[in-house]
C-alpha atoms as a PDB file:
ATOM      1  CA  MET A   1     285.776-137.122  84.310  1.00  0.00           C
ATOM      2  CA  LEU A   2     282.120-138.009  83.981  1.00  0.00           C
ATOM      3  CA  ARG A   3     280.374-138.763  80.506  1.00  0.00           C
ATOM      4  CA  ALA A   4     277.113-140.386  80.049  1.00  0.00           C
ATOM      5  CA  GLU A   5     277.367-141.359  76.772  1.00  0.00           C
ATOM      6  CA  VAL A   6     273.523-143.045  76.727  1.00  0.00           C
ATOM      7  CA  TYR A   7     270.642-142.502  78.762  1.00  0.00           C
ATOM      8  CA  ALA A   8     267.074-143.641  77.666  1.00  0.00           C
ATOM      9  CA  HIS A   9     263.584-143.630  79.406  1.00  0.00           C
ATOM     10  CA  ALA A  10     260.214-144.827  77.927  1.00  0.00           C
ATOM     11  CA  ILE A  11     257.302-142.250  78.710  1.00  0.00           C
ATOM     12  CA  GLN A  12     253.745-141.937  78.042  1.00  0.00           C
ATOM     13  CA  SER A  13     253.434-138.669  76.405  1.00  0.00           C
ATOM     14  CA  ARG A  14     254.598-135.637  75.332  1.00  0.00           C
ATOM     15  CA  ASP A  15     254.448-133.656  78.789  1.00  0.00           C
ATOM     16  CA  GLU A  16     256.917-136.558  80.122  1.00  0.00           C
ATOM     17  CA  PRO A  17     260.028-135.089  78.262  1.00  0.00           C
ATOM     18  CA  ILE A  18     259.477-131.498  78.718  1.00  0.00           C
ATOM     19  CA  ARG A  19     259.255-132.154  82.543  1.00  0.00           C
ATOM     20  CA  GLY A  20     261.661-134.960  82.628  1.00  0.00           C
ATOM     21  CA  SER A  21     264.324-133.155  81.185  1.00  0.00           C
ATOM     22  CA  SER A  22     264.369-129.849  82.850  1.00  0.00           C
ATOM     23  CA  HIS A  23     264.391-131.724  86.517  1.00  0.00           C
ATOM     24  CA  ILE A  24     267.661-133.902  84.923  1.00  0.00           C
ATOM     25  CA  PHE A  25     269.015-130.504  83.123  1.00  0.00           C
ATOM     26  CA  ALA A  26     268.599-128.710  87.009  1.00  0.00           C
ATOM     27  CA  HIS A  27     269.548-132.432  89.057  1.00  0.00           C
ATOM     28  CA  LEU A  28     272.958-132.423  86.746  1.00  0.00           C
ATOM     29  CA  ARG A  29     273.652-128.221  86.935  1.00  0.00           C
ATOM     30  CA  LYS A  30     273.649-128.927  90.668  1.00  0.00           C
ATOM     31  CA  PHE A  31     276.759-131.276  90.265  1.00  0.00           C
ATOM     32  CA  GLY A  32     278.405-128.763  87.668  1.00  0.00           C
ATOM     33  CA  LEU A  33     277.569-131.210  84.825  1.00  0.00           C
ATOM     34  CA  CYS A  34     276.325-129.998  81.289  1.00  0.00           C
ATOM     35  CA  VAL A  35     273.668-131.154  78.990  1.00  0.00           C
ATOM     36  CA  HIS A  36     273.904-130.274  75.623  1.00  0.00           C
ATOM     37  CA  VAL A  37     270.924-128.705  74.741  1.00  0.00           C
ATOM     38  CA  GLY A  38     270.367-126.318  71.342  1.00  0.00           C
ATOM     39  CA  ARG A  39     270.565-122.592  71.909  1.00  0.00           C
ATOM     40  CA  GLY A  40     270.413-119.747  69.315  1.00  0.00           C
ATOM     41  CA  ASP A  41     271.791-121.863  65.766  1.00  0.00           C
ATOM     42  CA  ALA A  42     273.748-124.519  67.284  1.00  0.00           C
ATOM     43  CA  ALA A  43     272.038-128.086  67.517  1.00  0.00           C
ATOM     44  CA  SER A  44     271.002-129.801  70.349  1.00  0.00           C
ATOM     45  CA  LYS A  45     273.351-132.989  70.730  1.00  0.00           C
ATOM     46  CA  THR A  46     270.967-134.272  73.135  1.00  0.00           C
ATOM     47  CA  GLU A  47     267.822-135.418  71.241  1.00  0.00           C
ATOM     48  CA  ALA A  48     264.574-137.135  71.987  1.00  0.00           C
ATOM     49  CA  MET A  49     263.338-139.660  69.994  1.00  0.00           C
ATOM     50  CA  TYR A  50     259.825-140.924  69.428  1.00  0.00           C
ATOM     51  CA  PHE A  51     258.443-144.332  68.473  1.00  0.00           C
ATOM     52  CA  PRO A  52     254.609-144.418  67.710  1.00  0.00           C
ATOM     53  CA  PRO A  53     252.382-147.131  68.398  1.00  0.00           C
ATOM     54  CA  PRO A  54     251.992-149.876  65.515  1.00  0.00           C
ATOM     55  CA  ARG A  55     250.054-148.972  62.671  1.00  0.00           C
ATOM     56  CA  THR A  56     250.423-144.963  63.418  1.00  0.00           C
ATOM     57  CA  ALA A  57     252.382-142.563  61.210  1.00  0.00           C
ATOM     58  CA  TYR A  58     255.277-141.074  62.648  1.00  0.00           C
ATOM     59  CA  GLU A  59     253.990-137.723  61.199  1.00  0.00           C
ATOM     60  CA  ALA A  60     250.764-137.980  63.026  1.00  0.00           C
ATOM     61  CA  ALA A  61     252.434-136.872  66.434  1.00  0.00           C
ATOM     62  CA  ASP A  62     253.645-133.638  67.595  1.00  0.00           C
ATOM     63  CA  THR A  63     257.804-134.172  67.485  1.00  0.00           C
ATOM     64  CA  SER A  64     258.531-130.280  67.374  1.00  0.00           C
ATOM     65  CA  ARG A  65     261.215-129.187  69.134  1.00  0.00           C
ATOM     66  CA  PHE A  66     260.815-128.289  72.732  1.00  0.00           C
ATOM     67  CA  PHE A  67     262.151-125.663  74.853  1.00  0.00           C
ATOM     68  CA  ILE A  68     264.590-126.008  78.280  1.00  0.00           C
ATOM     69  CA  ASP A  69     265.746-124.263  80.857  1.00  0.00           C
ATOM     70  CA  GLY A  70     264.107-121.207  79.123  1.00  0.00           C
ATOM     71  CA  THR A  71     266.838-120.624  75.967  1.00  0.00           C
ATOM     72  CA  GLY A  72     267.646-124.370  75.187  1.00  0.00           C
ATOM     73  CA  PHE A  73     265.623-126.951  72.913  1.00  0.00           C
ATOM     74  CA  ILE A  74     265.716-130.452  72.461  1.00  0.00           C
ATOM     75  CA  ASP A  75     265.069-131.537  68.836  1.00  0.00           C
ATOM     76  CA  PHE A  76     263.383-135.133  68.119  1.00  0.00           C
ATOM     77  CA  CYS A  77     265.111-137.506  65.892  1.00  0.00           C
ATOM     78  CA  GLU A  78     263.826-140.151  63.534  1.00  0.00           C
ATOM     79  CA  LYS A  79     266.942-142.112  63.442  1.00  0.00           C
ATOM     80  CA  PHE A  80     269.041-142.854  66.413  1.00  0.00           C
ATOM     81  CA  LYS A  81     272.939-142.010  65.868  1.00  0.00           C
ATOM     82  CA  PHE A  82     274.903-143.366  68.754  1.00  0.00           C
ATOM     83  CA  LEU A  83     278.350-141.032  68.555  1.00  0.00           C
ATOM     84  CA  PHE A  84     280.159-143.681  70.838  1.00  0.00           C
ATOM     85  CA  ASN A  85     283.290-143.386  72.399  1.00  0.00           C
ATOM     86  CA  PRO A  86     286.062-145.935  71.337  1.00  0.00           C
ATOM     87  CA  PRO A  87     287.816-146.095  74.406  1.00  0.00           C
ATOM     88  CA  LEU A  88     284.892-146.066  76.556  1.00  0.00           C
ATOM     89  CA  LEU A  89     283.520-149.155  74.111  1.00  0.00           C
ATOM     90  CA  ALA A  90     286.746-150.983  75.036  1.00  0.00           C
ATOM     91  CA  TYR A  91     286.595-150.315  78.731  1.00  0.00           C
ATOM     92  CA  LEU A  92     282.865-151.735  78.790  1.00  0.00           C
ATOM     93  CA  LEU A  93     284.123-154.713  76.912  1.00  0.00           C
END
């Protein structure tokens, strides 16, 4: 079993995570892997996080959800929640 617990990528515009997520989603699907995006009323386990530039309010940016794969979506979060896997953490240490 392969698990990607954490993936981070710095971006410069709102369009980059939308295009990049779509590419990653399609690429991982080729290997039978699943990206946990939201669908319908189910929340997305995959989240995007926005860090505003200095002296810029978080609310000034467009942090609305973006859609992926036609029916799925990814939401932005204001606080990072690391849902770690204790056996994996022990392995990494």
